[in-house]
Amino acid sequence: MSPPASKAPGSLVTRLSRALVLWVSGLWLMTALGTTWYVRTEVNDVYDSALSESAWRLLDLVNHELAEHGAGLVLGNAPPQRSSDFPLHIEPHHLIYQITSPDGTLLLRSNDAPDQVLAPDVRYGFTEQGDWRVFSLTHPDSQARIHVADARGHRRHTQIDIVLSLMLPLLGLLPVLALMIRHITRRELASVATLADQIRERSDRNLSPLSSAGLPAELLLITERSNHLLQRLAGALDTERALAANAAHELRTPLATTQLRLQGLQDLIGQQPDAVLRQELQKAQDALAQLSRRAEKLLQMSRAESGATLAREPVALSPLAAAVAQEFWLDPAMMDRLQLQVPEHGDAVALGDADALAIVLRNLLENAVRYAPHGPIVLRVALPARLSVSDQGPGMAPDRQAELLQRHQQGHADPGTPAPTAGARHPPQPGYGLGLSIVSTIVERQGGQISLHSPAPGRAAGPNPGLEVRLDLPPAPPPSAPSHGAPA
């Protein structure tokens, strides 16, 4: 059963447009709610002010009538209804009033006011009476009361009309705003498509830097990181090509030599004494050993510069150095030359890969043996996590030390004085310019630092100042103390 197809990701333009439209709509809704609350408050204030002002004006007229006709005089029924051709364009049924005597008798009311007194027990202030908002006022002298009211439904309709008149045009503009947001987003993100086209054009034949012209600040950072990646890819491809070229160059000569030796040995069989045959056979074996060592160096370089994961585990450096030194002590000539020095107190423990660090030490010792064919070689372990190899050879000028850490750079050893390698019975040929480069690459990937010192510590400048290669590795954290529970 085939797995379900994954959903295709949406475009950035669509996602941004949708997010912006939703946010704008949310803000519009919050604005509408705030506007509704504000309009409701203002409309109530305006209508309450109108009720209060109308009551005060009518109260003076009522008091005048009562003063002339007496408190018991009923002023009459409601005034006649306004004609439809009233000159002011005002609805007549929004505002009503009632006038009562001090004992609560209804004296006068507007045409559309109810027969019952709206607020018989209220002398002053606003009250809610059913569907009416009532303002009551009592004259201080005659104690006549006036109740002015307007319909609460009318207030609600007024509020709704104002809110709709404000919000409906904005609501109608939302679709237009959504289209404008999408258009602007697509136009502004066109630079992303331009950058994507540039990246699509890059290949192993075209690793030129990406152009950042006209890009916004956010894409400038992506362009910078991408150019850094392209630069590293170009370096990796150069390394691969150089390694292949170096392998072809370095392996061609020993292969040809081995082939010639074997052909010559085949021609000598039956024609030369056994001693001559053994000598030629030994030369062929030496050529094969040289070929094996060069292939091993190339494999080490390939592993050091590949993406292979190196372990990050505590490595005790003293046992590691002793194990590597033991390999070299298999050669009797190295028994007196190679010296191992370890801390008397404490353990030097680094955080790294034991196998990779062993390769580092072998390469350093091989270089020391090759370029310093005479004198002692010291392999030293120091606290907290330092390894160093020093010799008494010709040393290295300061301007050559940085070059020596690069691939295919060799020191100036005398080809006529090769030295033995680990466990080998016969001396190797001059170096291939890979040893210190392998060391530098592995140490950097382990998080350490490599430094060259010439003259070597304890030696003065002269014909043989010596060279010390020092490796400072990241120390392993101390083991955490076991926790003990409280005694019962």
Foldseek 3Di string as FASTA:
>chain_A
DDDDDDDDDDDPLVVVLVVVLVVVVVVLVVVLVVLLVVLLVVLVVVVVVVQVVVFVVVVVVVVVVCVVPNLVDQPDEADDDDDPVDPDPDDPQFKKKWKAAQVQHTRYIHPPDDPHDQCSPDAADWDDRPQWIWGKHADPPRRIMMIMIGGNVVSVVVSVVVSCVPSVVVVVCSVVVSVVSSVVSCVLCVVVVVQVVVVVPDDLVHLDQDDPPPPDPVVVVVSVVSNVVSVVVNVVVVVVVVLVVLLCVQLVVLVVVLVVLVVVLVVCVPPDDPVVSVVSVVVSVQSVVLNVVVVVLSVLLCVLPDPDDWAFAKDFVLVLVVVLVVLQVLAVVQVVAEEEEEDPDDTAIFTTHSVLVSLLVQLVVQLQCFQAVDHHWYWYADPNHKTKIKGQGQFDDPVCFVVLLDAQDFDDHDQVRFGCGGNDHDGHGGDRSRSNVSNQSRLVSQVKDKDKDPLDPPADDDRGSIMMIMIDGHTDDDDDDDDDDDDD
